[in-house]
Protein backbone atom coordinates (compact mmCIF):
# COMPACT_ATOMS: atom_id res chain seq x y z
CA UNK A 1 121.50 176.97 -22.09
CA UNK A 2 118.65 175.71 -24.27
CA UNK A 3 120.00 172.17 -24.01
CA UNK A 4 119.91 172.33 -20.17
CA UNK A 5 116.33 173.64 -20.25
CA UNK A 6 115.30 170.90 -22.66
CA UNK A 7 116.87 168.18 -20.46
CA UNK A 8 115.20 169.66 -17.37
CA UNK A 9 111.83 169.69 -19.16
CA UNK A 10 112.21 166.05 -20.23
CA UNK A 11 113.16 164.99 -16.70
CA UNK A 12 110.21 166.93 -15.25
CA UNK A 13 107.75 165.43 -17.73
CA UNK A 14 108.97 161.91 -17.03
CA UNK A 15 108.12 162.28 -13.33
CA UNK A 16 104.54 163.40 -13.92
CA UNK A 17 101.87 160.69 -13.81
CA UNK A 18 98.61 161.27 -15.56
CA UNK A 19 95.22 160.01 -14.35
CA UNK A 20 94.37 157.88 -17.36
CA UNK A 21 91.46 155.49 -17.30
CA UNK A 22 90.53 152.27 -19.05
CA UNK A 23 87.41 152.94 -21.08
CA UNK A 24 84.98 150.08 -21.59
CA UNK A 25 81.99 149.68 -23.85
CA UNK A 26 79.41 147.25 -22.45
CA UNK A 27 78.35 144.82 -23.68
CA UNK A 28 81.49 144.46 -25.78
CA UNK A 29 79.50 143.84 -28.98
CA UNK A 30 76.85 146.41 -29.88
CA UNK A 31 77.29 148.31 -26.57
CA UNK A 32 74.57 150.23 -24.79
CA UNK A 33 76.81 152.03 -22.27
CA UNK A 34 80.37 153.10 -21.55
CA UNK A 35 82.29 153.40 -18.32
CA UNK A 36 85.84 154.11 -17.17
CA UNK A 37 88.04 152.31 -14.66
CA UNK A 38 90.94 154.32 -13.16
CA UNK A 39 94.26 153.28 -14.65
CA UNK A 40 95.60 152.63 -11.15
CA UNK A 41 93.14 149.74 -10.73
CA UNK A 42 94.32 146.28 -11.76
CA UNK A 43 92.00 144.96 -14.44
CA UNK A 44 91.46 141.47 -15.89
CA UNK A 45 89.10 139.82 -18.34
CA UNK A 46 86.78 137.25 -16.76
CA UNK A 47 84.21 134.80 -18.16
CA UNK A 48 81.41 137.33 -18.58
CA UNK A 49 83.29 140.64 -18.71
CA UNK A 50 85.93 142.37 -16.59
CA UNK A 51 87.14 142.56 -13.01
CA UNK A 52 89.03 145.43 -11.42
CA UNK A 53 90.74 145.80 -8.04
CA UNK A 54 91.56 149.05 -6.28
CA UNK A 55 95.28 149.94 -5.91
CA UNK A 56 95.24 148.69 -2.30
CA UNK A 57 93.46 145.49 -3.37
CA UNK A 58 90.67 146.12 -0.86
CA UNK A 59 87.75 146.91 -3.20
CA UNK A 60 86.68 144.82 -6.18
CA UNK A 61 84.52 145.94 -9.08
CA UNK A 62 83.09 143.67 -11.77
CA UNK A 63 81.44 144.49 -15.10
CA UNK A 64 79.62 141.51 -16.54
CA UNK A 65 77.12 141.07 -19.34
CA UNK A 66 75.12 138.21 -20.78
CA UNK A 67 72.35 137.43 -23.22
CA UNK A 68 68.98 136.30 -21.89
CA UNK A 69 69.96 132.70 -22.69
CA UNK A 70 73.09 132.95 -20.50
CA UNK A 71 71.74 135.01 -17.59
CA UNK A 72 71.24 131.88 -15.46
CA UNK A 73 74.89 130.92 -16.10
CA UNK A 74 76.00 134.42 -15.05
CA UNK A 75 74.06 134.23 -11.77
CA UNK A 76 75.35 130.71 -11.12
CA UNK A 77 78.91 131.99 -11.64
CA UNK A 78 78.23 134.79 -9.14
CA UNK A 79 76.84 132.33 -6.57
CA UNK A 80 79.98 130.23 -6.99
CA UNK A 81 82.12 133.39 -6.64
CA UNK A 82 80.41 134.25 -3.34
CA UNK A 83 81.06 130.74 -1.99
CA UNK A 84 84.70 130.77 -3.15
CA UNK A 85 85.23 134.07 -1.34
CA UNK A 86 83.48 132.88 1.84
CA UNK A 87 80.82 135.58 1.50
CA UNK A 88 77.76 134.99 3.65
CA UNK A 89 74.66 137.16 3.65
CA UNK A 90 73.65 138.60 7.02
CA UNK A 91 70.17 139.68 5.90
CA UNK A 92 67.91 139.93 2.89
CA UNK A 93 69.19 142.33 0.22
CA UNK A 94 67.98 145.92 0.16
CA UNK A 95 66.53 146.73 -3.26
CA UNK A 96 66.41 150.16 -4.85
CA UNK A 97 65.55 151.40 -8.34
CA UNK A 98 67.56 154.34 -9.64
CA UNK A 99 68.92 155.80 -12.88
CA UNK A 100 72.63 155.56 -13.67
CA UNK A 101 74.05 157.48 -16.59
CA UNK A 102 70.70 157.61 -18.36
CA UNK A 103 69.87 153.91 -17.81
CA UNK A 104 67.32 152.46 -15.40
CA UNK A 105 69.03 150.33 -12.77
CA UNK A 106 68.10 148.09 -9.90
CA UNK A 107 70.56 147.85 -6.99
CA UNK A 108 70.65 144.91 -4.61
CA UNK A 109 72.77 145.73 -1.54
CA UNK A 110 73.87 142.85 0.65
CA UNK A 111 75.23 143.29 4.16
CA UNK A 112 77.49 140.27 4.49
CA UNK A 113 80.62 138.80 6.01
CA UNK A 114 83.73 137.45 4.35
CA UNK A 115 87.09 136.20 5.63
CA UNK A 116 87.99 139.74 6.78
CA UNK A 117 84.73 140.44 8.63
CA UNK A 118 81.82 142.69 7.67
CA UNK A 119 81.53 143.59 4.01
CA UNK A 120 79.03 145.10 1.59
CA UNK A 121 78.22 143.84 -1.89
CA UNK A 122 76.22 145.86 -4.38
CA UNK A 123 74.82 144.11 -7.45
CA UNK A 124 73.59 146.66 -10.00
CA UNK A 125 71.44 145.30 -12.83
CA UNK A 126 71.19 147.40 -16.00
CA UNK A 127 69.39 146.64 -19.26
CA UNK A 128 71.87 145.64 -21.97
CA UNK A 129 69.42 146.02 -24.85
CA UNK A 130 68.52 143.29 -27.36
CA UNK A 131 67.67 140.74 -24.66
CA UNK A 132 70.90 141.32 -22.72
CA UNK A 133 71.72 142.38 -19.19
CA UNK A 134 74.65 144.18 -17.57
CA UNK A 135 75.65 143.33 -14.01
CA UNK A 136 77.95 145.62 -12.04
CA UNK A 137 79.29 144.35 -8.70
CA UNK A 138 81.07 146.38 -6.04
CA UNK A 139 82.57 144.48 -3.09
CA UNK A 140 84.36 145.91 -0.07
CA UNK A 141 83.81 146.87 3.55
CA UNK A 142 82.54 150.35 4.41
CA UNK A 143 86.04 151.37 5.51
CA UNK A 144 87.64 150.01 2.32
CA UNK A 145 85.06 151.78 0.19
CA UNK A 146 85.66 155.02 2.08
CA UNK A 147 89.42 154.83 1.49
CA UNK A 148 88.75 154.34 -2.25
CA UNK A 149 85.78 156.70 -2.42
CA UNK A 150 87.18 159.09 -5.05
CA UNK A 151 87.84 156.25 -7.50
CA UNK A 152 84.48 154.60 -6.83
CA UNK A 153 82.65 157.89 -7.41
CA UNK A 154 84.61 158.45 -10.65
CA UNK A 155 83.57 154.99 -11.89
CA UNK A 156 79.93 155.66 -10.99
CA UNK A 157 79.95 159.05 -12.70
CA UNK A 158 81.61 157.59 -15.82
CA UNK A 159 78.69 155.25 -16.60
CA UNK A 160 76.89 156.71 -19.61
CA UNK A 161 74.22 155.37 -21.92
CA UNK A 162 75.09 155.37 -25.61
CA UNK A 163 72.24 157.12 -27.39
C-alpha cells in the first residue's frame, strides 16, 4: 500500500511545473540592480547583456549595460537592431521620468511599425553606477503585450536596486 502511494506521489510531482525565474544581476560585474525573467521565456546572451522572448515569441525584452566609454557603441547597436528588424518610428518618442525598483529611470516610448504592422518599443534608461548605464528594451504590439501582460508585469515588479 505504501509503495503504491509513493509511486502515485512521484508521478504527481513529476507532472507539476513550477514558475521558476532566471535571476539577473545588472551590470554583471558590481551590479546595482537585480531582475527576474520568467523561466518560460527563451533567454540568450547578447553583445551588451541579455535578450528574452515571450513563450509565444511575440514580445522581446532586452537587458543591456555599458560603461560610459561604450554607451555610443550600445546605442549604435540598437540603431542597427531597429534597421535589421524593419522598425520605423511613426512619431517622436514620448519621454517620461519615473522610479523603478528604487532607481530613477527615463522611459522613451516609440510608436512604430515593423514587418507585422504597428508596434511599441520602450527604451528604459537606468543609472548603472560608476559611470555605467543600464538599458531595458521592451518590444511588441499592444495586443502582444496584452497577451503577455502577467509576465511583463512580473518582470517590471522584479527590478530592484541593490542597496
